[in-house]
Amino acid sequence: MQKEEETSMAAVEKFAAVDPGHTQAKGFDTQLKDIKKALPLRVMTPEDWLHWITRGYVVIRNAVPRENVERMVALLWRFQEMNPNDPATWSRPQLRDHKMKELNNSGMVEIYNHQYLWDNRQEQRLYDAFVDIWDREDLWVSIDRANLNTPNRDARSFNGFIHWDVDTSVRPLPIGVQGVLSLVDTDSETGGFQCVPSLFSGFDEWEKTQGPDRNPRAPNPEGLDIVNVPMKAGDMLIFNSLLAHGIRPNRSEDRVRMAQYISMAPANEGDNAERQDRIACWRDQEPPKRGAFPGDPREWEKHNAERARLTPLGEKLLGLKSWQD
């Protein structure tokens, strides 16, 4: 990949002032790669676990049922007011610009609380994968959006980027997990997730070679081994927030990249204000009140969808019910 397709440094420089919206673990002081497993693995294999702690990410195959994927795909086309069979409709401008400038034209879809998103969030196999990651059962799921990235050309020009969603200059280093559920098969042409595993495993030594004015939110990509991770529809990629990562552009002729962002972190049940904010997002069909999420000016979900129905697991993952109940 050309250097300009790996990052847009001028845009990323401004990123530090914007809340990225990804939940970090509170009251959790063990780096994820250093966890000593107490619970048996539910979904991951021992080989998956080794890859996770050394490379910073893991791919869970067939994380959700095929029917979940198919209806999510149809929903995103409808939400974006695009016809999957008519590429002439694929160049609609985004409805709001992103404060995180590197995300402009990357295909972010400002949908957060539709039933189909919640069906994936409360899928047992996907939850079990995050139990493997955190080695605990009391988790909250992120309320996040989706992605529909059509070919990046003309008015939708986008060169990709590599960054961190956390400040890598603070000590102790932040602890967090992020995740991407692929809704279509992806490859090097269609774009999608890219990362730098060698930087994750060798971060301490790499940091010693950097100057005092390094950008703690984005490494200089020159000389880094950037890895493209191909995925199949229904695969879930979970990655450590300390893994430098980003989105690569869609250079295909007529294919799209589609995904849903899902993550989980230890439930912060002692923070009633946060719990009530989460419940309000679901109840009122609103995006999280964070700078990274511009929301949908049409309020499409409020006009076209009912409040999502939660399973008993979903109620706990939201915070509507306590894990102590």
C-alpha atoms as a PDB file:
ATOM      1  CA  MET A   1       0.000   0.000   0.000  1.00  0.00           C
ATOM      2  CA  GLN A   2       1.223   3.477  -0.804  1.00  0.00           C
ATOM      3  CA  LYS A   3       2.224   5.671   2.104  1.00  0.00           C
ATOM      4  CA  GLU A   4      -0.641   8.114   1.475  1.00  0.00           C
ATOM      5  CA  GLU A   5      -3.093   5.227   1.802  1.00  0.00           C
ATOM      6  CA  GLU A   6      -1.814   4.288   5.242  1.00  0.00           C
ATOM      7  CA  THR A   7      -2.389   7.523   7.092  1.00  0.00           C
ATOM      8  CA  SER A   8      -3.353  11.125   6.809  1.00  0.00           C
ATOM      9  CA  MET A   9      -1.103  12.587   9.459  1.00  0.00           C
ATOM     10  CA  ALA A  10      -2.426  16.130   9.253  1.00  0.00           C
ATOM     11  CA  ALA A  11      -5.911  14.906  10.119  1.00  0.00           C
ATOM     12  CA  VAL A  12      -4.770  12.490  12.797  1.00  0.00           C
ATOM     13  CA  GLU A  13      -2.812  15.241  14.571  1.00  0.00           C
ATOM     14  CA  LYS A  14      -6.159  16.824  15.480  1.00  0.00           C
ATOM     15  CA  PHE A  15      -7.589  13.590  16.825  1.00  0.00           C
ATOM     16  CA  ALA A  16      -6.253  13.886  20.373  1.00  0.00           C
ATOM     17  CA  ALA A  17      -8.771  16.605  21.217  1.00  0.00           C
ATOM     18  CA  VAL A  18     -11.772  14.391  20.343  1.00  0.00           C
ATOM     19  CA  ASP A  19     -13.248  11.767  22.650  1.00  0.00           C
ATOM     20  CA  PRO A  20     -12.968   8.601  20.526  1.00  0.00           C
ATOM     21  CA  GLY A  21     -15.995   7.060  22.227  1.00  0.00           C
ATOM     22  CA  HIS A  22     -14.414   3.692  22.974  1.00  0.00           C
ATOM     23  CA  THR A  23     -14.994   2.389  26.495  1.00  0.00           C
ATOM     24  CA  GLN A  24     -11.901   1.758  28.580  1.00  0.00           C
ATOM     25  CA  ALA A  25     -11.785  -0.546  31.581  1.00  0.00           C
ATOM     26  CA  LYS A  26     -12.245   1.202  34.929  1.00  0.00           C
ATOM     27  CA  GLY A  27     -10.845  -0.344  38.092  1.00  0.00           C
ATOM     28  CA  PHE A  28      -9.004  -2.947  36.013  1.00  0.00           C
ATOM     29  CA  ASP A  29      -5.221  -2.791  36.375  1.00  0.00           C
ATOM     30  CA  THR A  30      -3.935  -5.859  34.515  1.00  0.00           C
ATOM     31  CA  GLN A  31      -2.926  -5.396  30.900  1.00  0.00           C
ATOM     32  CA  LEU A  32      -4.957  -7.771  28.751  1.00  0.00           C
ATOM     33  CA  LYS A  33      -1.891  -9.525  27.367  1.00  0.00           C
ATOM     34  CA  ASP A  34      -0.826 -10.316  30.930  1.00  0.00           C
ATOM     35  CA  ILE A  35      -4.075 -11.927  32.123  1.00  0.00           C
ATOM     36  CA  LYS A  36      -3.603 -15.371  33.660  1.00  0.00           C
ATOM     37  CA  LYS A  37      -6.692 -17.312  32.675  1.00  0.00           C
ATOM     38  CA  ALA A  38      -8.955 -18.526  35.486  1.00  0.00           C
ATOM     39  CA  LEU A  39     -12.044 -19.285  33.385  1.00  0.00           C
ATOM     40  CA  PRO A  40     -11.925 -21.982  30.707  1.00  0.00           C
ATOM     41  CA  LEU A  41     -11.942 -20.773  27.104  1.00  0.00           C
ATOM     42  CA  ARG A  42     -15.468 -20.797  25.648  1.00  0.00           C
ATOM     43  CA  VAL A  43     -14.889 -19.817  22.022  1.00  0.00           C
ATOM     44  CA  MET A  44     -11.193 -19.186  21.511  1.00  0.00           C
ATOM     45  CA  THR A  45      -8.689 -21.997  21.064  1.00  0.00           C
ATOM     46  CA  PRO A  46      -5.301 -22.006  22.837  1.00  0.00           C
ATOM     47  CA  GLU A  47      -3.799 -20.926  19.501  1.00  0.00           C
ATOM     48  CA  ASP A  48      -6.277 -18.035  19.314  1.00  0.00           C
ATOM     49  CA  TRP A  49      -5.306 -16.982  22.844  1.00  0.00           C
ATOM     50  CA  LEU A  50      -1.603 -16.987  22.007  1.00  0.00           C
ATOM     51  CA  HIS A  51      -2.250 -14.915  18.887  1.00  0.00           C
ATOM     52  CA  TRP A  52      -4.328 -12.482  20.961  1.00  0.00           C
ATOM     53  CA  ILE A  53      -1.693 -11.840  23.633  1.00  0.00           C
ATOM     54  CA  THR A  54       1.243 -11.629  21.212  1.00  0.00           C
ATOM     55  CA  ARG A  55      -0.249 -10.003  18.103  1.00  0.00           C
ATOM     56  CA  GLY A  56      -2.956  -7.880  19.727  1.00  0.00           C
ATOM     57  CA  TYR A  57      -5.950  -9.193  17.826  1.00  0.00           C
ATOM     58  CA  VAL A  58      -7.956 -12.333  17.138  1.00  0.00           C
ATOM     59  CA  VAL A  59     -10.572 -13.291  14.530  1.00  0.00           C
ATOM     60  CA  ILE A  60     -13.615 -15.236  15.765  1.00  0.00           C
ATOM     61  CA  ARG A  61     -15.073 -17.111  12.823  1.00  0.00           C
ATOM     62  CA  ASN A  62     -18.869 -17.247  12.369  1.00  0.00           C
ATOM     63  CA  ALA A  63     -19.479 -15.081  15.423  1.00  0.00           C
ATOM     64  CA  VAL A  64     -23.131 -14.456  14.528  1.00  0.00           C
ATOM     65  CA  PRO A  65     -25.685 -16.425  12.462  1.00  0.00           C
ATOM     66  CA  ARG A  66     -25.854 -15.877   8.706  1.00  0.00           C
ATOM     67  CA  GLU A  67     -29.403 -14.515   8.915  1.00  0.00           C
ATOM     68  CA  ASN A  68     -28.212 -11.780  11.283  1.00  0.00           C
ATOM     69  CA  VAL A  69     -25.623 -10.716   8.736  1.00  0.00           C
ATOM     70  CA  GLU A  70     -28.044 -10.684   5.812  1.00  0.00           C
ATOM     71  CA  ARG A  71     -30.635  -8.502   7.530  1.00  0.00           C
ATOM     72  CA  MET A  72     -27.959  -6.095   8.779  1.00  0.00           C
ATOM     73  CA  VAL A  73     -26.684  -5.701   5.224  1.00  0.00           C
ATOM     74  CA  ALA A  74     -30.189  -4.916   3.945  1.00  0.00           C
ATOM     75  CA  LEU A  75     -30.755  -2.483   6.824  1.00  0.00           C
ATOM     76  CA  LEU A  76     -27.589  -0.487   6.146  1.00  0.00           C
ATOM     77  CA  TRP A  77     -28.418  -0.051   2.452  1.00  0.00           C
ATOM     78  CA  ARG A  78     -31.880   1.180   3.428  1.00  0.00           C
ATOM     79  CA  PHE A  79     -30.588   3.457   6.176  1.00  0.00           C
ATOM     80  CA  GLN A  80     -28.040   5.058   3.817  1.00  0.00           C
ATOM     81  CA  GLU A  81     -30.685   5.478   1.092  1.00  0.00           C
ATOM     82  CA  MET A  82     -28.536   3.596  -1.402  1.00  0.00           C
ATOM     83  CA  ASN A  83     -29.459   0.892  -3.903  1.00  0.00           C
ATOM     84  CA  PRO A  84     -27.052  -2.074  -3.757  1.00  0.00           C
ATOM     85  CA  ASN A  85     -27.747  -2.749  -7.445  1.00  0.00           C
ATOM     86  CA  ASP A  86     -27.142   0.825  -8.619  1.00  0.00           C
ATOM     87  CA  PRO A  87     -23.626   2.191  -8.016  1.00  0.00           C
ATOM     88  CA  ALA A  88     -24.867   5.590  -9.183  1.00  0.00           C
ATOM     89  CA  THR A  89     -26.534   5.919  -5.751  1.00  0.00           C
ATOM     90  CA  TRP A  90     -23.360   5.112  -3.808  1.00  0.00           C
ATOM     91  CA  SER A  91     -21.802   8.571  -3.784  1.00  0.00           C
ATOM     92  CA  ARG A  92     -24.227  10.339  -1.453  1.00  0.00           C
ATOM     93  CA  PRO A  93     -22.301  12.751   0.767  1.00  0.00           C
ATOM     94  CA  GLN A  94     -22.151  11.961   4.472  1.00  0.00           C
ATOM     95  CA  LEU A  95     -24.895  13.759   6.389  1.00  0.00           C
ATOM     96  CA  ARG A  96     -22.536  15.281   8.958  1.00  0.00           C
ATOM     97  CA  ASP A  97     -18.793  15.738   9.025  1.00  0.00           C
ATOM     98  CA  HIS A  98     -16.750  13.974  11.691  1.00  0.00           C
ATOM     99  CA  LYS A  99     -14.813  15.804  14.374  1.00  0.00           C
ATOM    100  CA  MET A 100     -12.311  12.979  13.942  1.00  0.00           C
ATOM    101  CA  LYS A 101     -11.309  14.250  10.508  1.00  0.00           C
ATOM    102  CA  GLU A 102      -9.623  11.027   9.454  1.00  0.00           C
ATOM    103  CA  LEU A 103     -13.047   9.340   9.453  1.00  0.00           C
ATOM    104  CA  ASN A 104     -14.543  11.610   6.788  1.00  0.00           C
ATOM    105  CA  ASN A 105     -15.540   9.557   3.717  1.00  0.00           C
ATOM    106  CA  SER A 106     -14.625   6.303   5.493  1.00  0.00           C
ATOM    107  CA  GLY A 107     -18.236   5.088   5.320  1.00  0.00           C
ATOM    108  CA  MET A 108     -19.352   5.501   8.927  1.00  0.00           C
ATOM    109  CA  VAL A 109     -23.083   4.847   9.339  1.00  0.00           C
ATOM    110  CA  GLU A 110     -24.779   6.764  12.160  1.00  0.00           C
ATOM    111  CA  ILE A 111     -27.088   3.970  13.300  1.00  0.00           C
ATOM    112  CA  TYR A 112     -26.853   2.849  16.919  1.00  0.00           C
ATOM    113  CA  ASN A 113     -29.927   1.204  18.429  1.00  0.00           C
ATOM    114  CA  HIS A 114     -31.856  -0.726  15.797  1.00  0.00           C
ATOM    115  CA  GLN A 115     -33.028  -4.205  16.738  1.00  0.00           C
ATOM    116  CA  TYR A 116     -30.620  -5.811  14.287  1.00  0.00           C
ATOM    117  CA  LEU A 117     -27.599  -4.157  15.910  1.00  0.00           C
ATOM    118  CA  TRP A 118     -28.774  -5.331  19.315  1.00  0.00           C
ATOM    119  CA  ASP A 119     -29.379  -8.863  18.001  1.00  0.00           C
ATOM    120  CA  ASN A 120     -25.667  -9.099  17.247  1.00  0.00           C
ATOM    121  CA  ARG A 121     -24.599  -7.440  20.508  1.00  0.00           C
ATOM    122  CA  GLN A 122     -26.553  -9.975  22.542  1.00  0.00           C
ATOM    123  CA  GLU A 123     -25.520 -13.024  20.506  1.00  0.00           C
ATOM    124  CA  GLN A 124     -24.235 -15.676  22.930  1.00  0.00           C
ATOM    125  CA  ARG A 125     -21.188 -16.769  20.904  1.00  0.00           C
ATOM    126  CA  LEU A 126     -20.018 -13.197  20.493  1.00  0.00           C
ATOM    127  CA  TYR A 127     -20.474 -12.494  24.213  1.00  0.00           C
ATOM    128  CA  ASP A 128     -18.576 -15.679  25.080  1.00  0.00           C
ATOM    129  CA  ALA A 129     -15.628 -14.481  22.984  1.00  0.00           C
ATOM    130  CA  PHE A 130     -15.404 -11.321  25.098  1.00  0.00           C
ATOM    131  CA  VAL A 131     -15.653 -13.423  28.268  1.00  0.00           C
ATOM    132  CA  ASP A 132     -12.562 -15.238  26.987  1.00  0.00           C
ATOM    133  CA  ILE A 133     -10.806 -11.897  26.437  1.00  0.00           C
ATOM    134  CA  TRP A 134     -11.592 -10.366  29.840  1.00  0.00           C
ATOM    135  CA  ASP A 135     -11.682 -13.623  31.853  1.00  0.00           C
ATOM    136  CA  ARG A 136     -14.897 -12.479  33.521  1.00  0.00           C
ATOM    137  CA  GLU A 137     -18.634 -12.580  32.798  1.00  0.00           C
ATOM    138  CA  ASP A 138     -19.906  -9.196  34.076  1.00  0.00           C
ATOM    139  CA  LEU A 139     -19.549  -7.103  30.911  1.00  0.00           C
ATOM    140  CA  TRP A 140     -21.231  -4.136  29.267  1.00  0.00           C
ATOM    141  CA  VAL A 141     -21.466  -3.901  25.482  1.00  0.00           C
ATOM    142  CA  SER A 142     -20.547  -0.760  23.567  1.00  0.00           C
ATOM    143  CA  ILE A 143     -23.282   1.272  21.879  1.00  0.00           C
ATOM    144  CA  ASP A 144     -21.555   1.903  18.597  1.00  0.00           C
ATOM    145  CA  ARG A 145     -22.335   2.312  14.907  1.00  0.00           C
ATOM    146  CA  ALA A 146     -21.738   0.559  11.592  1.00  0.00           C
ATOM    147  CA  ASN A 147     -19.834   1.064   8.342  1.00  0.00           C
ATOM    148  CA  LEU A 148     -20.779   0.971   4.662  1.00  0.00           C
ATOM    149  CA  ASN A 149     -17.789   2.049   2.611  1.00  0.00           C
ATOM    150  CA  THR A 150     -18.328   2.221  -1.129  1.00  0.00           C
ATOM    151  CA  PRO A 151     -15.336   2.653  -3.504  1.00  0.00           C
ATOM    152  CA  ASN A 152     -13.266   5.643  -2.378  1.00  0.00           C
ATOM    153  CA  ARG A 153     -12.932   7.855  -5.422  1.00  0.00           C
ATOM    154  CA  ASP A 154     -14.031  11.254  -6.707  1.00  0.00           C
ATOM    155  CA  ALA A 155     -16.129  13.028  -4.047  1.00  0.00           C
ATOM    156  CA  ARG A 156     -15.592  10.100  -1.649  1.00  0.00           C
ATOM    157  CA  SER A 157     -11.818  10.209  -1.741  1.00  0.00           C
ATOM    158  CA  PHE A 158     -10.277   8.593   1.349  1.00  0.00           C
ATOM    159  CA  ASN A 159      -6.665   7.543   1.881  1.00  0.00           C
ATOM    160  CA  GLY A 160      -6.905   5.443   5.021  1.00  0.00           C
ATOM    161  CA  PHE A 161      -5.032   5.859   8.288  1.00  0.00           C
ATOM    162  CA  ILE A 162      -3.253   4.181  11.194  1.00  0.00           C
ATOM    163  CA  HIS A 163      -3.875   5.411  14.737  1.00  0.00           C
ATOM    164  CA  TRP A 164      -4.604   4.494  18.334  1.00  0.00           C
ATOM    165  CA  ASP A 165      -7.914   5.346  20.024  1.00  0.00           C
ATOM    166  CA  VAL A 166      -6.037   5.804  23.302  1.00  0.00           C
ATOM    167  CA  ASP A 167      -3.195   8.040  24.467  1.00  0.00           C
ATOM    168  CA  THR A 168      -0.095   5.826  24.407  1.00  0.00           C
ATOM    169  CA  SER A 169       1.979   8.376  26.327  1.00  0.00           C
ATOM    170  CA  VAL A 170       0.158   7.969  29.660  1.00  0.00           C
ATOM    171  CA  ARG A 171       1.262   5.529  32.353  1.00  0.00           C
ATOM    172  CA  PRO A 172      -0.089   3.142  33.216  1.00  0.00           C
ATOM    173  CA  LEU A 173      -1.108   2.474  29.635  1.00  0.00           C
ATOM    174  CA  PRO A 174      -4.878   2.441  29.004  1.00  0.00           C
ATOM    175  CA  ILE A 175      -6.686  -0.894  29.015  1.00  0.00           C
ATOM    176  CA  GLY A 176      -9.402  -1.503  26.462  1.00  0.00           C
ATOM    177  CA  VAL A 177     -10.799  -3.688  23.697  1.00  0.00           C
ATOM    178  CA  GLN A 178     -12.411  -2.840  20.363  1.00  0.00           C
ATOM    179  CA  GLY A 179     -14.125  -5.003  17.786  1.00  0.00           C
ATOM    180  CA  VAL A 180     -15.352  -5.178  14.186  1.00  0.00           C
ATOM    181  CA  LEU A 181     -18.026  -7.592  12.942  1.00  0.00           C
ATOM    182  CA  SER A 182     -17.625  -8.032   9.183  1.00  0.00           C
ATOM    183  CA  LEU A 183     -20.904  -8.139   7.223  1.00  0.00           C
ATOM    184  CA  VAL A 184     -19.288  -8.972   3.869  1.00  0.00           C
ATOM    185  CA  ASP A 185     -16.184 -10.773   2.704  1.00  0.00           C
ATOM    186  CA  THR A 186     -13.249  -8.338   2.627  1.00  0.00           C
ATOM    187  CA  ASP A 187      -9.885  -8.403   0.877  1.00  0.00           C
ATOM    188  CA  SER A 188      -7.053  -6.045  -0.009  1.00  0.00           C
ATOM    189  CA  GLU A 189      -9.186  -4.312  -2.675  1.00  0.00           C
ATOM    190  CA  THR A 190     -12.363  -3.636  -0.708  1.00  0.00           C
ATOM    191  CA  GLY A 191     -10.525  -2.130   2.227  1.00  0.00           C
ATOM    192  CA  GLY A 192     -11.316  -2.675   5.875  1.00  0.00           C
ATOM    193  CA  PHE A 193      -9.286  -3.323   8.990  1.00  0.00           C
ATOM    194  CA  GLN A 194      -5.514  -2.878   8.967  1.00  0.00           C
ATOM    195  CA  CYS A 195      -3.068  -2.959  11.869  1.00  0.00           C
ATOM    196  CA  VAL A 196       0.574  -3.123  12.970  1.00  0.00           C
ATOM    197  CA  PRO A 197       1.038  -6.276  15.129  1.00  0.00           C
ATOM    198  CA  SER A 198       4.824  -5.866  15.272  1.00  0.00           C
ATOM    199  CA  LEU A 199       4.364  -2.501  16.948  1.00  0.00           C
ATOM    200  CA  PHE A 200       2.037  -4.057  19.520  1.00  0.00           C
ATOM    201  CA  SER A 201       4.528  -6.750  20.462  1.00  0.00           C
ATOM    202  CA  GLY A 202       7.549  -4.437  20.335  1.00  0.00           C
ATOM    203  CA  PHE A 203       6.010  -1.196  21.601  1.00  0.00           C
ATOM    204  CA  ASP A 204       8.395  -0.637  24.522  1.00  0.00           C
ATOM    205  CA  GLU A 205      11.505  -0.883  22.362  1.00  0.00           C
ATOM    206  CA  TRP A 206       9.945   1.126  19.529  1.00  0.00           C
ATOM    207  CA  GLU A 207       8.982   3.934  21.926  1.00  0.00           C
ATOM    208  CA  LYS A 208      12.610   4.299  22.999  1.00  0.00           C
ATOM    209  CA  THR A 209      13.534   5.157  19.399  1.00  0.00           C
ATOM    210  CA  GLN A 210      10.985   7.964  19.165  1.00  0.00           C
ATOM    211  CA  GLY A 211      11.498  11.613  19.982  1.00  0.00           C
ATOM    212  CA  PRO A 212       9.769  13.398  22.866  1.00  0.00           C
ATOM    213  CA  ASP A 213       7.321  15.059  20.486  1.00  0.00           C
ATOM    214  CA  ARG A 214       5.938  11.847  18.957  1.00  0.00           C
ATOM    215  CA  ASN A 215       2.197  11.763  18.336  1.00  0.00           C
ATOM    216  CA  PRO A 216       0.782   9.470  21.073  1.00  0.00           C
ATOM    217  CA  ARG A 217      -2.340   8.870  18.973  1.00  0.00           C
ATOM    218  CA  ALA A 218      -0.681   7.952  15.683  1.00  0.00           C
ATOM    219  CA  PRO A 219       2.688   6.379  14.842  1.00  0.00           C
ATOM    220  CA  ASN A 220       4.700   7.532  11.881  1.00  0.00           C
ATOM    221  CA  PRO A 221       3.863   4.737   9.383  1.00  0.00           C
ATOM    222  CA  GLU A 222       7.200   4.910   7.580  1.00  0.00           C
ATOM    223  CA  GLY A 223       8.938   1.550   7.869  1.00  0.00           C
ATOM    224  CA  LEU A 224       6.086  -0.126   9.766  1.00  0.00           C
ATOM    225  CA  ASP A 225       4.791  -3.525   8.658  1.00  0.00           C
ATOM    226  CA  ILE A 226       1.097  -2.797   8.125  1.00  0.00           C
ATOM    227  CA  VAL A 227      -1.048  -5.936   7.941  1.00  0.00           C
ATOM    228  CA  ASN A 228      -4.359  -6.164   6.106  1.00  0.00           C
ATOM    229  CA  VAL A 229      -6.709  -8.653   7.787  1.00  0.00           C
ATOM    230  CA  PRO A 230      -9.135 -10.304   5.315  1.00  0.00           C
ATOM    231  CA  MET A 231     -12.424 -11.462   6.837  1.00  0.00           C
ATOM    232  CA  LYS A 232     -15.537 -13.417   5.869  1.00  0.00           C
ATOM    233  CA  ALA A 233     -19.083 -12.243   6.470  1.00  0.00           C
ATOM    234  CA  GLY A 234     -19.973 -13.064  10.075  1.00  0.00           C
ATOM    235  CA  ASP A 235     -16.390 -13.005  11.366  1.00  0.00           C
ATOM    236  CA  MET A 236     -15.641 -10.885  14.429  1.00  0.00           C
ATOM    237  CA  LEU A 237     -12.233  -9.252  14.839  1.00  0.00           C
ATOM    238  CA  ILE A 238     -11.414  -8.259  18.420  1.00  0.00           C
ATOM    239  CA  PHE A 239      -8.352  -6.120  19.056  1.00  0.00           C
ATOM    240  CA  ASN A 240      -6.476  -4.600  21.956  1.00  0.00           C
ATOM    241  CA  SER A 241      -6.766  -0.796  22.068  1.00  0.00           C
ATOM    242  CA  LEU A 242      -2.951  -0.652  22.220  1.00  0.00           C
ATOM    243  CA  LEU A 243      -2.782  -2.171  18.718  1.00  0.00           C
ATOM    244  CA  ALA A 244      -2.131   0.586  16.160  1.00  0.00           C
ATOM    245  CA  HIS A 245      -4.892   0.131  13.607  1.00  0.00           C
ATOM    246  CA  GLY A 246      -7.090   1.859  11.083  1.00  0.00           C
ATOM    247  CA  ILE A 247      -9.195   1.586   7.961  1.00  0.00           C
ATOM    248  CA  ARG A 248      -7.688   1.030   4.539  1.00  0.00           C
ATOM    249  CA  PRO A 249      -9.469   2.588   1.547  1.00  0.00           C
ATOM    250  CA  ASN A 250     -11.800   0.735  -0.785  1.00  0.00           C
ATOM    251  CA  ARG A 251      -9.973   0.567  -4.112  1.00  0.00           C
ATOM    252  CA  SER A 252     -12.349  -1.918  -5.743  1.00  0.00           C
ATOM    253  CA  GLU A 253     -14.350  -1.114  -8.846  1.00  0.00           C
ATOM    254  CA  ASP A 254     -17.847  -1.951  -7.628  1.00  0.00           C
ATOM    255  CA  ARG A 255     -17.752  -3.681  -4.234  1.00  0.00           C
ATOM    256  CA  VAL A 256     -18.419  -2.394  -0.727  1.00  0.00           C
ATOM    257  CA  ARG A 257     -17.076  -2.961   2.751  1.00  0.00           C
ATOM    258  CA  MET A 258     -19.742  -3.322   5.483  1.00  0.00           C
ATOM    259  CA  ALA A 259     -19.240  -3.843   9.204  1.00  0.00           C
ATOM    260  CA  GLN A 260     -20.699  -3.317  12.667  1.00  0.00           C
ATOM    261  CA  TYR A 261     -18.544  -2.096  15.544  1.00  0.00           C
ATOM    262  CA  ILE A 262     -19.010  -4.070  18.767  1.00  0.00           C
ATOM    263  CA  SER A 263     -16.941  -4.218  21.926  1.00  0.00           C
ATOM    264  CA  MET A 264     -17.356  -5.159  25.570  1.00  0.00           C
ATOM    265  CA  ALA A 265     -15.691  -4.105  28.806  1.00  0.00           C
ATOM    266  CA  PRO A 266     -16.175  -4.855  32.517  1.00  0.00           C
ATOM    267  CA  ALA A 267     -19.543  -3.536  33.693  1.00  0.00           C
ATOM    268  CA  ASN A 268     -19.159  -0.294  35.632  1.00  0.00           C
ATOM    269  CA  GLU A 269     -22.267  -0.804  37.747  1.00  0.00           C
ATOM    270  CA  GLY A 270     -21.051   1.530  40.475  1.00  0.00           C
ATOM    271  CA  ASP A 271     -21.367   4.527  38.130  1.00  0.00           C
ATOM    272  CA  ASN A 272     -25.112   5.135  38.069  1.00  0.00           C
ATOM    273  CA  ALA A 273     -24.793   8.185  35.814  1.00  0.00           C
ATOM    274  CA  GLU A 274     -23.051   6.141  33.131  1.00  0.00           C
ATOM    275  CA  ARG A 275     -25.587   3.345  33.499  1.00  0.00           C
ATOM    276  CA  GLN A 276     -28.488   5.766  33.086  1.00  0.00           C
ATOM    277  CA  ASP A 277     -26.846   7.336  30.022  1.00  0.00           C
ATOM    278  CA  ARG A 278     -26.547   3.914  28.429  1.00  0.00           C
ATOM    279  CA  ILE A 279     -30.156   3.037  29.177  1.00  0.00           C
ATOM    280  CA  ALA A 280     -31.299   6.402  27.771  1.00  0.00           C
ATOM    281  CA  CYS A 281     -29.432   5.755  24.498  1.00  0.00           C
ATOM    282  CA  TRP A 282     -31.319   2.492  24.045  1.00  0.00           C
ATOM    283  CA  ARG A 283     -34.684   3.746  25.342  1.00  0.00           C
ATOM    284  CA  ASP A 284     -34.690   7.014  23.366  1.00  0.00           C
ATOM    285  CA  GLN A 285     -32.854   5.679  20.298  1.00  0.00           C
ATOM    286  CA  GLU A 286     -30.068   8.249  20.618  1.00  0.00           C
ATOM    287  CA  PRO A 287     -26.340   8.050  19.836  1.00  0.00           C
ATOM    288  CA  PRO A 288     -23.893   8.193  22.753  1.00  0.00           C
ATOM    289  CA  LYS A 289     -23.161  11.763  23.781  1.00  0.00           C
ATOM    290  CA  ARG A 290     -19.508  11.748  22.736  1.00  0.00           C
ATOM    291  CA  GLY A 291     -17.631  13.884  20.273  1.00  0.00           C
ATOM    292  CA  ALA A 292     -16.766  10.966  18.015  1.00  0.00           C
ATOM    293  CA  PHE A 293     -20.432  10.217  17.246  1.00  0.00           C
ATOM    294  CA  PRO A 294     -22.087  12.980  15.142  1.00  0.00           C
ATOM    295  CA  GLY A 295     -25.421  11.149  14.963  1.00  0.00           C
ATOM    296  CA  ASP A 296     -28.059  11.143  12.235  1.00  0.00           C
ATOM    297  CA  PRO A 297     -29.741  14.506  11.571  1.00  0.00           C
ATOM    298  CA  ARG A 298     -32.787  12.705  10.098  1.00  0.00           C
ATOM    299  CA  GLU A 299     -33.325  10.710  13.321  1.00  0.00           C
ATOM    300  CA  TRP A 300     -34.153   7.788  11.026  1.00  0.00           C
ATOM    301  CA  GLU A 301     -34.300   5.192  13.793  1.00  0.00           C
ATOM    302  CA  LYS A 302     -36.902   7.141  15.772  1.00  0.00           C
ATOM    303  CA  HIS A 303     -39.140   7.408  12.711  1.00  0.00           C
ATOM    304  CA  ASN A 304     -38.625   3.945  11.243  1.00  0.00           C
ATOM    305  CA  ALA A 305     -37.893   1.504  14.067  1.00  0.00           C
ATOM    306  CA  GLU A 306     -39.241   0.488  17.440  1.00  0.00           C
ATOM    307  CA  ARG A 307     -37.187   0.309  20.600  1.00  0.00           C
ATOM    308  CA  ALA A 308     -34.994  -2.806  20.464  1.00  0.00           C
ATOM    309  CA  ARG A 309     -36.156  -5.841  22.421  1.00  0.00           C
ATOM    310  CA  LEU A 310     -33.491  -7.204  24.740  1.00  0.00           C
ATOM    311  CA  THR A 311     -32.885 -10.765  25.837  1.00  0.00           C
ATOM    312  CA  PRO A 312     -32.026 -11.446  29.496  1.00  0.00           C
ATOM    313  CA  LEU A 313     -28.355 -11.371  28.420  1.00  0.00           C
ATOM    314  CA  GLY A 314     -28.917  -8.125  26.525  1.00  0.00           C
ATOM    315  CA  GLU A 315     -30.483  -6.470  29.573  1.00  0.00           C
ATOM    316  CA  LYS A 316     -27.312  -7.144  31.552  1.00  0.00           C
ATOM    317  CA  LEU A 317     -25.021  -6.139  28.701  1.00  0.00           C
ATOM    318  CA  LEU A 318     -26.817  -2.782  28.529  1.00  0.00           C
ATOM    319  CA  GLY A 319     -27.000  -2.225  32.291  1.00  0.00           C
ATOM    320  CA  LEU A 320     -30.786  -2.402  32.508  1.00  0.00           C
ATOM    321  CA  LYS A 321     -30.371  -5.362  34.846  1.00  0.00           C
ATOM    322  CA  SER A 322     -27.455  -5.966  37.216  1.00  0.00           C
ATOM    323  CA  TRP A 323     -25.056  -8.873  36.889  1.00  0.00           C
ATOM    324  CA  GLN A 324     -25.639  -9.354  40.625  1.00  0.00           C
ATOM    325  CA  ASP A 325     -29.344 -10.159  40.102  1.00  0.00           C
END
